[in-house]
C-alpha atoms as a PDB file:
ATOM      1  CA  MET A   1     -96.083  -8.402  54.628  1.00  0.00           C
ATOM      2  CA  ILE A   2     -94.325  -7.832  51.315  1.00  0.00           C
ATOM      3  CA  GLY A   3     -96.268  -7.645  48.052  1.00  0.00           C
ATOM      4  CA  ILE A   4     -94.576  -8.077  44.675  1.00  0.00           C
ATOM      5  CA  ASP A   5     -96.059  -7.158  41.292  1.00  0.00           C
ATOM      6  CA  TRP A   6     -93.512  -8.675  38.880  1.00  0.00           C
ATOM      7  CA  GLY A   7     -94.270  -8.163  35.216  1.00  0.00           C
ATOM      8  CA  THR A   8     -92.561  -8.758  31.904  1.00  0.00           C
ATOM      9  CA  THR A   9     -90.543  -5.533  31.974  1.00  0.00           C
ATOM     10  CA  SER A  10     -91.086  -4.097  35.456  1.00  0.00           C
ATOM     11  CA  PHE A  11     -90.684  -5.025  39.125  1.00  0.00           C
ATOM     12  CA  ARG A  12     -92.692  -3.361  41.895  1.00  0.00           C
ATOM     13  CA  ALA A  13     -92.347  -4.201  45.570  1.00  0.00           C
ATOM     14  CA  TYR A  14     -94.473  -2.956  48.465  1.00  0.00           C
ATOM     15  CA  ARG A  15     -93.965  -3.240  52.203  1.00  0.00           C
ATOM     16  CA  LEU A  16     -97.466  -3.253  53.668  1.00  0.00           C
ATOM     17  CA  ASP A  17     -98.740  -2.803  57.199  1.00  0.00           C
ATOM     18  CA  PRO A  18    -101.417  -5.132  58.672  1.00  0.00           C
ATOM     19  CA  ALA A  19    -104.174  -2.824  57.377  1.00  0.00           C
ATOM     20  CA  GLY A  20    -102.752  -2.880  53.826  1.00  0.00           C
ATOM     21  CA  ALA A  21    -101.272   0.640  53.806  1.00  0.00           C
ATOM     22  CA  ILE A  22     -98.061   1.070  51.815  1.00  0.00           C
ATOM     23  CA  LEU A  23     -95.151   1.713  54.185  1.00  0.00           C
ATOM     24  CA  GLU A  24     -92.402   1.597  51.543  1.00  0.00           C
ATOM     25  CA  ARG A  25     -92.141   0.845  47.859  1.00  0.00           C
ATOM     26  CA  ARG A  26     -89.479   0.001  45.328  1.00  0.00           C
ATOM     27  CA  GLU A  27     -89.657  -0.102  41.556  1.00  0.00           C
ATOM     28  CA  SER A  28     -87.220  -1.102  38.835  1.00  0.00           C
ATOM     29  CA  ALA A  29     -87.091  -2.190  35.204  1.00  0.00           C
ATOM     30  CA  GLN A  30     -85.933  -5.666  36.240  1.00  0.00           C
ATOM     31  CA  GLY A  31     -88.882  -7.553  34.778  1.00  0.00           C
ATOM     32  CA  ILE A  32     -88.893 -11.302  34.300  1.00  0.00           C
ATOM     33  CA  LEU A  33     -87.252 -11.092  30.864  1.00  0.00           C
ATOM     34  CA  SER A  34     -84.106  -9.652  32.470  1.00  0.00           C
ATOM     35  CA  VAL A  35     -83.741 -12.456  35.035  1.00  0.00           C
ATOM     36  CA  PRO A  36     -81.344 -15.290  34.107  1.00  0.00           C
ATOM     37  CA  PRO A  37     -82.518 -18.920  34.406  1.00  0.00           C
ATOM     38  CA  GLY A  38     -82.756 -19.885  38.060  1.00  0.00           C
ATOM     39  CA  GLY A  39     -82.103 -16.308  39.153  1.00  0.00           C
ATOM     40  CA  PHE A  40     -85.490 -15.339  40.578  1.00  0.00           C
ATOM     41  CA  PRO A  41     -84.773 -16.123  44.275  1.00  0.00           C
ATOM     42  CA  ALA A  42     -81.528 -14.120  44.216  1.00  0.00           C
ATOM     43  CA  VAL A  43     -83.110 -11.105  42.463  1.00  0.00           C
ATOM     44  CA  LEU A  44     -86.017 -11.086  44.915  1.00  0.00           C
ATOM     45  CA  GLU A  45     -83.780 -11.483  47.957  1.00  0.00           C
ATOM     46  CA  ALA A  46     -81.547  -8.610  46.873  1.00  0.00           C
ATOM     47  CA  ALA A  47     -84.559  -6.335  46.314  1.00  0.00           C
ATOM     48  CA  ILE A  48     -86.312  -6.965  49.616  1.00  0.00           C
ATOM     49  CA  ARG A  49     -83.401  -7.867  51.951  1.00  0.00           C
ATOM     50  CA  PRO A  50     -83.838  -4.749  54.164  1.00  0.00           C
ATOM     51  CA  TRP A  51     -87.488  -5.582  54.711  1.00  0.00           C
ATOM     52  CA  LEU A  52     -86.710  -9.199  55.557  1.00  0.00           C
ATOM     53  CA  GLU A  53     -84.147  -7.975  58.067  1.00  0.00           C
ATOM     54  CA  ARG A  54     -86.895  -5.929  59.725  1.00  0.00           C
ATOM     55  CA  GLY A  55     -88.860  -9.110  60.370  1.00  0.00           C
ATOM     56  CA  GLU A  56     -91.205  -9.475  57.375  1.00  0.00           C
ATOM     57  CA  THR A  57     -92.030 -13.165  56.945  1.00  0.00           C
ATOM     58  CA  LEU A  58     -94.704 -13.255  54.219  1.00  0.00           C
ATOM     59  CA  VAL A  59     -93.994 -12.507  50.552  1.00  0.00           C
ATOM     60  CA  LEU A  60     -96.869 -12.587  48.071  1.00  0.00           C
ATOM     61  CA  LEU A  61     -96.131 -12.347  44.329  1.00  0.00           C
ATOM     62  CA  CYS A  62     -98.374 -11.742  41.331  1.00  0.00           C
ATOM     63  CA  GLY A  63     -97.891 -11.104  37.626  1.00  0.00           C
ATOM     64  CA  MET A  64     -95.841 -12.704  34.876  1.00  0.00           C
ATOM     65  CA  VAL A  65     -93.455 -14.108  37.464  1.00  0.00           C
ATOM     66  CA  GLY A  66     -96.017 -16.935  37.577  1.00  0.00           C
ATOM     67  CA  SER A  67     -95.925 -17.524  33.805  1.00  0.00           C
ATOM     68  CA  ARG A  68     -94.101 -20.189  31.810  1.00  0.00           C
ATOM     69  CA  GLN A  69     -91.236 -17.710  31.358  1.00  0.00           C
ATOM     70  CA  GLY A  70     -91.187 -16.795  35.058  1.00  0.00           C
ATOM     71  CA  TRP A  71     -90.060 -18.332  38.327  1.00  0.00           C
ATOM     72  CA  ARG A  72     -92.650 -21.114  38.245  1.00  0.00           C
ATOM     73  CA  GLU A  73     -95.776 -21.543  36.160  1.00  0.00           C
ATOM     74  CA  ALA A  74     -98.942 -21.268  38.232  1.00  0.00           C
ATOM     75  CA  PRO A  75    -102.032 -22.944  36.729  1.00  0.00           C
ATOM     76  CA  TYR A  76    -104.810 -20.636  35.592  1.00  0.00           C
ATOM     77  CA  LEU A  77    -107.935 -20.539  37.721  1.00  0.00           C
ATOM     78  CA  PRO A  78    -111.113 -20.550  35.591  1.00  0.00           C
ATOM     79  CA  CYS A  79    -113.743 -17.822  35.934  1.00  0.00           C
ATOM     80  CA  PRO A  80    -116.001 -17.172  37.680  1.00  0.00           C
ATOM     81  CA  ALA A  81    -113.599 -16.723  40.564  1.00  0.00           C
ATOM     82  CA  GLY A  82    -113.340 -14.441  43.553  1.00  0.00           C
ATOM     83  CA  PRO A  83    -110.851 -13.583  46.286  1.00  0.00           C
ATOM     84  CA  ALA A  84    -111.574 -16.780  48.222  1.00  0.00           C
ATOM     85  CA  GLU A  85    -110.832 -19.052  45.255  1.00  0.00           C
ATOM     86  CA  ILE A  86    -107.704 -17.089  44.391  1.00  0.00           C
ATOM     87  CA  ALA A  87    -106.390 -17.270  47.976  1.00  0.00           C
ATOM     88  CA  ALA A  88    -107.136 -21.008  48.106  1.00  0.00           C
ATOM     89  CA  ASN A  89    -104.990 -21.645  45.018  1.00  0.00           C
ATOM     90  CA  LEU A  90    -101.778 -19.839  45.962  1.00  0.00           C
ATOM     91  CA  LEU A  91     -98.615 -21.671  44.932  1.00  0.00           C
ATOM     92  CA  SER A  92     -95.739 -22.059  47.385  1.00  0.00           C
ATOM     93  CA  LEU A  93     -92.249 -21.071  46.199  1.00  0.00           C
ATOM     94  CA  PRO A  94     -88.959 -22.141  47.793  1.00  0.00           C
ATOM     95  CA  PHE A  95     -87.442 -19.059  49.435  1.00  0.00           C
ATOM     96  CA  PRO A  96     -85.283 -19.095  52.566  1.00  0.00           C
ATOM     97  CA  GLY A  97     -86.276 -16.819  55.398  1.00  0.00           C
ATOM     98  CA  ALA A  98     -89.897 -16.167  54.464  1.00  0.00           C
ATOM     99  CA  ARG A  99     -93.117 -17.782  53.380  1.00  0.00           C
ATOM    100  CA  CYS A 100     -93.287 -17.060  49.649  1.00  0.00           C
ATOM    101  CA  LEU A 101     -96.542 -17.552  47.737  1.00  0.00           C
ATOM    102  CA  LEU A 102     -97.545 -16.983  44.110  1.00  0.00           C
ATOM    103  CA  VAL A 103    -100.983 -15.720  43.046  1.00  0.00           C
ATOM    104  CA  PRO A 104    -102.546 -17.765  40.205  1.00  0.00           C
ATOM    105  CA  GLY A 105    -103.727 -16.157  36.976  1.00  0.00           C
ATOM    106  CA  LEU A 106    -107.278 -16.429  35.647  1.00  0.00           C
ATOM    107  CA  SER A 107    -108.713 -17.912  32.469  1.00  0.00           C
ATOM    108  CA  THR A 108    -112.023 -17.578  30.658  1.00  0.00           C
ATOM    109  CA  ARG A 109    -113.546 -18.332  27.247  1.00  0.00           C
ATOM    110  CA  ASP A 110    -115.466 -16.014  24.973  1.00  0.00           C
ATOM    111  CA  ALA A 111    -118.805 -16.735  23.300  1.00  0.00           C
ATOM    112  CA  ALA A 112    -117.033 -18.692  20.546  1.00  0.00           C
ATOM    113  CA  GLY A 113    -115.116 -20.798  23.055  1.00  0.00           C
ATOM    114  CA  VAL A 114    -111.745 -19.119  22.444  1.00  0.00           C
ATOM    115  CA  PRO A 115    -109.667 -18.955  25.658  1.00  0.00           C
ATOM    116  CA  ASP A 116    -108.361 -15.780  27.261  1.00  0.00           C
ATOM    117  CA  VAL A 117    -105.929 -15.406  30.184  1.00  0.00           C
ATOM    118  CA  MET A 118    -104.556 -12.851  32.630  1.00  0.00           C
ATOM    119  CA  ARG A 119    -101.714 -12.717  35.145  1.00  0.00           C
ATOM    120  CA  GLY A 120    -101.349  -9.879  37.620  1.00  0.00           C
ATOM    121  CA  GLU A 121    -104.584  -8.151  36.704  1.00  0.00           C
ATOM    122  CA  GLU A 122    -106.553 -10.617  38.852  1.00  0.00           C
ATOM    123  CA  THR A 123    -104.826  -9.117  41.900  1.00  0.00           C
ATOM    124  CA  LYS A 124    -105.850  -5.602  40.851  1.00  0.00           C
ATOM    125  CA  LEU A 125    -109.396  -6.886  40.428  1.00  0.00           C
ATOM    126  CA  VAL A 126    -109.354  -8.284  43.974  1.00  0.00           C
ATOM    127  CA  GLY A 127    -108.491  -4.785  45.175  1.00  0.00           C
ATOM    128  CA  LEU A 128    -111.265  -3.253  43.079  1.00  0.00           C
ATOM    129  CA  LEU A 129    -113.822  -5.819  44.263  1.00  0.00           C
ATOM    130  CA  ALA A 130    -113.222  -4.629  47.817  1.00  0.00           C
ATOM    131  CA  GLU A 131    -114.461  -1.194  46.730  1.00  0.00           C
ATOM    132  CA  LEU A 132    -117.331  -2.359  44.512  1.00  0.00           C
ATOM    133  CA  GLY A 133    -118.802  -5.088  46.695  1.00  0.00           C
ATOM    134  CA  ASP A 134    -121.396  -7.346  45.082  1.00  0.00           C
ATOM    135  CA  SER A 135    -122.619  -4.845  42.490  1.00  0.00           C
ATOM    136  CA  PRO A 136    -122.297  -5.804  38.798  1.00  0.00           C
ATOM    137  CA  ALA A 137    -119.724  -3.626  37.060  1.00  0.00           C
ATOM    138  CA  LEU A 138    -117.445  -3.319  34.035  1.00  0.00           C
ATOM    139  CA  LEU A 139    -113.757  -2.710  34.776  1.00  0.00           C
ATOM    140  CA  CYS A 140    -111.018  -1.551  32.412  1.00  0.00           C
ATOM    141  CA  LEU A 141    -107.318  -2.096  33.159  1.00  0.00           C
ATOM    142  CA  PRO A 142    -105.439  -0.386  30.299  1.00  0.00           C
ATOM    143  CA  GLY A 143    -101.939  -1.451  29.378  1.00  0.00           C
ATOM    144  CA  THR A 144     -99.866  -3.362  26.853  1.00  0.00           C
ATOM    145  CA  HIS A 145    -102.690  -5.908  26.885  1.00  0.00           C
ATOM    146  CA  SER A 146    -105.774  -4.086  28.156  1.00  0.00           C
ATOM    147  CA  LYS A 147    -108.194  -6.151  30.220  1.00  0.00           C
ATOM    148  CA  TRP A 148    -111.942  -5.580  30.322  1.00  0.00           C
ATOM    149  CA  ALA A 149    -113.470  -7.542  33.181  1.00  0.00           C
ATOM    150  CA  LYS A 150    -117.029  -8.092  34.323  1.00  0.00           C
ATOM    151  CA  VAL A 151    -117.715  -8.599  38.014  1.00  0.00           C
ATOM    152  CA  ALA A 152    -120.875  -9.501  39.919  1.00  0.00           C
ATOM    153  CA  GLY A 153    -121.601 -10.936  43.329  1.00  0.00           C
ATOM    154  CA  GLY A 154    -118.077 -10.153  44.501  1.00  0.00           C
ATOM    155  CA  ARG A 155    -116.512 -12.378  41.835  1.00  0.00           C
ATOM    156  CA  ILE A 156    -114.855 -11.975  38.445  1.00  0.00           C
ATOM    157  CA  THR A 157    -117.306 -13.515  35.990  1.00  0.00           C
ATOM    158  CA  GLY A 158    -115.292 -13.080  32.788  1.00  0.00           C
ATOM    159  CA  PHE A 159    -112.967 -10.786  30.862  1.00  0.00           C
ATOM    160  CA  ALA A 160    -111.616  -9.936  27.423  1.00  0.00           C
ATOM    161  CA  THR A 161    -108.113  -8.858  26.435  1.00  0.00           C
ATOM    162  CA  GLN A 162    -107.364  -6.191  23.827  1.00  0.00           C
ATOM    163  CA  MET A 163    -103.769  -6.019  22.477  1.00  0.00           C
ATOM    164  CA  THR A 164    -103.982  -2.260  22.068  1.00  0.00           C
ATOM    165  CA  GLY A 165    -100.705  -1.149  23.599  1.00  0.00           C
ATOM    166  CA  GLU A 166     -98.593  -3.838  21.965  1.00  0.00           C
ATOM    167  CA  THR A 167    -100.224  -3.245  18.572  1.00  0.00           C
ATOM    168  CA  ARG A 168     -99.450   0.479  18.817  1.00  0.00           C
ATOM    169  CA  ALA A 169     -95.817  -0.248  19.653  1.00  0.00           C
ATOM    170  CA  VAL A 170     -95.432  -2.731  16.794  1.00  0.00           C
ATOM    171  CA  LEU A 171     -96.996  -0.356  14.285  1.00  0.00           C
ATOM    172  CA  LEU A 172     -94.804   2.566  15.316  1.00  0.00           C
ATOM    173  CA  GLU A 173     -91.593   0.546  15.512  1.00  0.00           C
ATOM    174  CA  HIS A 174     -91.973  -1.933  12.656  1.00  0.00           C
ATOM    175  CA  SER A 175     -94.488  -0.589  10.123  1.00  0.00           C
ATOM    176  CA  ILE A 176     -94.573   2.196   7.573  1.00  0.00           C
ATOM    177  CA  LEU A 177     -96.749   4.259   9.944  1.00  0.00           C
ATOM    178  CA  GLY A 178     -93.775   4.754  12.217  1.00  0.00           C
ATOM    179  CA  ARG A 179     -91.799   6.354   9.406  1.00  0.00           C
ATOM    180  CA  LEU A 180     -94.374   9.130   9.195  1.00  0.00           C
ATOM    181  CA  ALA A 181     -94.323   9.866  12.920  1.00  0.00           C
ATOM    182  CA  ALA A 182     -92.179  12.513  14.570  1.00  0.00           C
ATOM    183  CA  PRO A 183     -91.679  12.854  18.337  1.00  0.00           C
ATOM    184  CA  GLY A 184     -94.048  15.283  19.970  1.00  0.00           C
ATOM    185  CA  ALA A 185     -95.665  16.181  23.268  1.00  0.00           C
ATOM    186  CA  GLY A 186     -98.901  14.481  22.261  1.00  0.00           C
ATOM    187  CA  SER A 187    -102.009  16.051  20.820  1.00  0.00           C
ATOM    188  CA  ASP A 188    -105.432  15.642  22.404  1.00  0.00           C
ATOM    189  CA  THR A 189    -106.946  17.068  19.219  1.00  0.00           C
ATOM    190  CA  ALA A 190    -105.331  14.357  17.079  1.00  0.00           C
ATOM    191  CA  PHE A 191    -106.222  11.719  19.678  1.00  0.00           C
ATOM    192  CA  ARG A 192    -109.896  12.701  19.611  1.00  0.00           C
ATOM    193  CA  ARG A 193    -109.774  12.735  15.807  1.00  0.00           C
ATOM    194  CA  GLY A 194    -108.621   9.120  15.907  1.00  0.00           C
ATOM    195  CA  LEU A 195    -111.400   8.258  18.348  1.00  0.00           C
ATOM    196  CA  ARG A 196    -114.017   9.737  16.027  1.00  0.00           C
ATOM    197  CA  ARG A 197    -112.591   7.884  13.029  1.00  0.00           C
ATOM    198  CA  ALA A 198    -112.843   4.591  14.958  1.00  0.00           C
ATOM    199  CA  ARG A 199    -116.621   5.092  15.183  1.00  0.00           C
ATOM    200  CA  GLU A 200    -116.983   5.335  11.404  1.00  0.00           C
ATOM    201  CA  ALA A 201    -117.420   2.545   8.868  1.00  0.00           C
ATOM    202  CA  GLY A 202    -114.473   0.839   7.227  1.00  0.00           C
ATOM    203  CA  GLY A 203    -112.904  -1.309   9.932  1.00  0.00           C
ATOM    204  CA  LEU A 204    -109.587  -1.106  11.738  1.00  0.00           C
ATOM    205  CA  LEU A 205    -107.350  -2.298   8.903  1.00  0.00           C
ATOM    206  CA  HIS A 206    -108.728   0.294   6.501  1.00  0.00           C
ATOM    207  CA  HIS A 207    -108.520   2.990   9.172  1.00  0.00           C
ATOM    208  CA  LEU A 208    -104.873   2.162   9.843  1.00  0.00           C
ATOM    209  CA  PHE A 209    -103.915   2.662   6.220  1.00  0.00           C
ATOM    210  CA  GLY A 210    -105.899   5.873   6.315  1.00  0.00           C
ATOM    211  CA  ALA A 211    -103.474   7.157   8.944  1.00  0.00           C
ATOM    212  CA  ARG A 212    -100.674   6.778   6.408  1.00  0.00           C
ATOM    213  CA  ALA A 213    -102.674   8.470   3.652  1.00  0.00           C
ATOM    214  CA  LEU A 214    -103.557  11.382   5.943  1.00  0.00           C
ATOM    215  CA  GLY A 215     -99.873  11.861   6.606  1.00  0.00           C
ATOM    216  CA  LEU A 216     -98.878  11.614   2.938  1.00  0.00           C
ATOM    217  CA  MET A 217    -101.475  14.194   1.931  1.00  0.00           C
ATOM    218  CA  GLY A 218    -100.500  16.605   4.659  1.00  0.00           C
ATOM    219  CA  ASP A 219    -103.804  16.217   6.513  1.00  0.00           C
ATOM    220  CA  LEU A 220    -102.003  14.862   9.590  1.00  0.00           C
ATOM    221  CA  ALA A 221     -98.793  16.437  10.869  1.00  0.00           C
ATOM    222  CA  PRO A 222     -95.876  14.098  11.704  1.00  0.00           C
ATOM    223  CA  GLU A 223     -96.030  15.054  15.392  1.00  0.00           C
ATOM    224  CA  GLU A 224     -99.755  14.142  15.438  1.00  0.00           C
ATOM    225  CA  VAL A 225     -99.378  10.602  14.058  1.00  0.00           C
ATOM    226  CA  GLU A 226     -98.741   8.859  17.367  1.00  0.00           C
ATOM    227  CA  SER A 227    -101.697  10.528  19.108  1.00  0.00           C
ATOM    228  CA  TYR A 228    -104.006   9.880  16.148  1.00  0.00           C
ATOM    229  CA  LEU A 229    -102.956   6.218  16.096  1.00  0.00           C
ATOM    230  CA  SER A 230    -103.584   5.929  19.862  1.00  0.00           C
ATOM    231  CA  GLY A 231    -107.072   7.361  19.420  1.00  0.00           C
ATOM    232  CA  LEU A 232    -107.782   5.046  16.523  1.00  0.00           C
ATOM    233  CA  LEU A 233    -106.724   1.917  18.423  1.00  0.00           C
ATOM    234  CA  ILE A 234    -108.326   2.852  21.747  1.00  0.00           C
ATOM    235  CA  GLY A 235    -111.499   3.842  19.890  1.00  0.00           C
ATOM    236  CA  HIS A 236    -111.708   0.421  18.253  1.00  0.00           C
ATOM    237  CA  GLU A 237    -110.989  -1.160  21.633  1.00  0.00           C
ATOM    238  CA  LEU A 238    -113.940   0.666  23.169  1.00  0.00           C
ATOM    239  CA  GLN A 239    -116.163  -0.272  20.237  1.00  0.00           C
ATOM    240  CA  ALA A 240    -115.375  -3.949  20.818  1.00  0.00           C
ATOM    241  CA  ALA A 241    -115.659  -3.742  24.602  1.00  0.00           C
ATOM    242  CA  ILE A 242    -119.105  -2.169  24.719  1.00  0.00           C
ATOM    243  CA  ALA A 243    -120.322  -3.932  21.535  1.00  0.00           C
ATOM    244  CA  GLY A 244    -123.307  -1.602  21.103  1.00  0.00           C
ATOM    245  CA  ALA A 245    -124.504  -2.149  24.689  1.00  0.00           C
ATOM    246  CA  PRO A 246    -123.269   0.631  27.005  1.00  0.00           C
ATOM    247  CA  PRO A 247    -122.826  -0.563  30.597  1.00  0.00           C
ATOM    248  CA  ASP A 248    -125.190   0.366  33.392  1.00  0.00           C
ATOM    249  CA  GLY A 249    -123.176   2.720  35.549  1.00  0.00           C
ATOM    250  CA  PRO A 250    -119.596   3.907  35.145  1.00  0.00           C
ATOM    251  CA  VAL A 251    -116.691   1.948  33.727  1.00  0.00           C
ATOM    252  CA  HIS A 252    -114.144   1.474  36.528  1.00  0.00           C
ATOM    253  CA  LEU A 253    -110.648   2.413  35.385  1.00  0.00           C
ATOM    254  CA  ALA A 254    -107.309   1.548  37.016  1.00  0.00           C
ATOM    255  CA  GLY A 255    -103.816   1.915  35.571  1.00  0.00           C
ATOM    256  CA  SER A 256    -101.024   4.413  35.001  1.00  0.00           C
ATOM    257  CA  ALA A 257    -101.943   8.086  35.164  1.00  0.00           C
ATOM    258  CA  THR A 258    -100.901   8.637  31.534  1.00  0.00           C
ATOM    259  CA  LEU A 259    -103.027   5.832  30.134  1.00  0.00           C
ATOM    260  CA  CYS A 260    -105.995   6.519  32.389  1.00  0.00           C
ATOM    261  CA  ARG A 261    -106.097  10.139  31.226  1.00  0.00           C
ATOM    262  CA  LEU A 262    -106.327   9.009  27.598  1.00  0.00           C
ATOM    263  CA  TYR A 263    -108.976   6.395  28.371  1.00  0.00           C
ATOM    264  CA  ALA A 264    -111.004   8.956  30.339  1.00  0.00           C
ATOM    265  CA  LEU A 265    -110.922  11.232  27.266  1.00  0.00           C
ATOM    266  CA  ALA A 266    -112.046   8.275  25.140  1.00  0.00           C
ATOM    267  CA  PHE A 267    -114.910   7.417  27.471  1.00  0.00           C
ATOM    268  CA  ALA A 268    -116.103  11.021  27.374  1.00  0.00           C
ATOM    269  CA  GLU A 269    -115.950  11.023  23.559  1.00  0.00           C
ATOM    270  CA  PHE A 270    -118.069   7.858  23.544  1.00  0.00           C
ATOM    271  CA  GLY A 271    -120.543   9.275  26.060  1.00  0.00           C
ATOM    272  CA  LEU A 272    -119.528   6.843  28.808  1.00  0.00           C
ATOM    273  CA  ASP A 273    -119.073   7.642  32.480  1.00  0.00           C
ATOM    274  CA  CYS A 274    -115.937   6.376  34.190  1.00  0.00           C
ATOM    275  CA  ARG A 275    -114.522   6.264  37.688  1.00  0.00           C
ATOM    276  CA  GLN A 276    -110.768   6.218  38.178  1.00  0.00           C
ATOM    277  CA  HIS A 277    -109.181   4.199  40.966  1.00  0.00           C
ATOM    278  CA  ASP A 278    -105.822   4.165  42.744  1.00  0.00           C
ATOM    279  CA  PRO A 279    -103.022   3.135  40.329  1.00  0.00           C
ATOM    280  CA  ASP A 280    -101.524   1.088  43.217  1.00  0.00           C
ATOM    281  CA  ILE A 281    -104.644  -1.072  43.407  1.00  0.00           C
ATOM    282  CA  ALA A 282    -102.460  -4.195  42.974  1.00  0.00           C
ATOM    283  CA  ALA A 283    -100.909  -3.484  46.378  1.00  0.00           C
ATOM    284  CA  ARG A 284    -104.356  -3.440  47.942  1.00  0.00           C
ATOM    285  CA  GLY A 285    -105.253  -6.721  46.248  1.00  0.00           C
ATOM    286  CA  LEU A 286    -102.050  -8.339  47.526  1.00  0.00           C
ATOM    287  CA  ALA A 287    -102.774  -7.061  51.032  1.00  0.00           C
ATOM    288  CA  LEU A 288    -106.308  -8.464  50.976  1.00  0.00           C
ATOM    289  CA  ILE A 289    -105.140 -11.860  49.765  1.00  0.00           C
ATOM    290  CA  GLY A 290    -102.365 -11.879  52.354  1.00  0.00           C
ATOM    291  CA  ARG A 291    -104.775 -10.910  55.127  1.00  0.00           C
ATOM    292  CA  SER A 292    -106.979 -13.909  54.277  1.00  0.00           C
ATOM    293  CA  LEU A 293    -104.078 -16.216  55.149  1.00  0.00           C
ATOM    294  CA  ALA A 294    -103.888 -15.057  58.745  1.00  0.00           C
END
């Protein structure tokens, strides 16, 4: 089968064997925002044509391709939900030469009744559930919009989104903090300093202005600003996610190697255990969903 993880700014394709192993992969920056109206079938066909010619007949897609801005909007499936519910709510897409199905996103509501949504991460969670079984666990999927999900009994019981990555990008590109920053290789010392500051009183908005004042007074070097800001934002993310109640057992972490390294440093600073998983966990989730259709 062919698995597609199609996000806002990236496209990842996997050719998978019957056991779910990755035979071949392709990746590009052709996310959904770069696809012209009505162009999704042509872009997909061009990307996977060699695999179709080898006889692949099932294509399973997840991610923002199923959003309002994507190929077709797939309704959100409310939590709690597990692999069986997700597989039962796949959406068929018109695509000549193969059976093409779209994985639905998930929705939940927080304690105040405010809704939250995800697309693409649910497929990663399906892959992680296969490793965790029925045990209760807390999972962290860092990214532009980091997802913190709770699972139990082999199902996703709820989740919360933190706009950490996007907030960092906006601050560096469009706020006065970015004017203080200079490119650098990254500083773990400055990152940990930001983490420690996030655990102090004052709140995020005050702490953010403090980053500017530290720079103005020479207490933070220009090449340390980005790392300090990352630590500050990720530290506040962790504070919100654990909310004074550390999880029983490790936090399960899956994402890019760069982000997972920073989050592992943050967990250690906060005294939390973590377990890192395969960054291609979405491919495993797609394979498991596809296998359930046989």
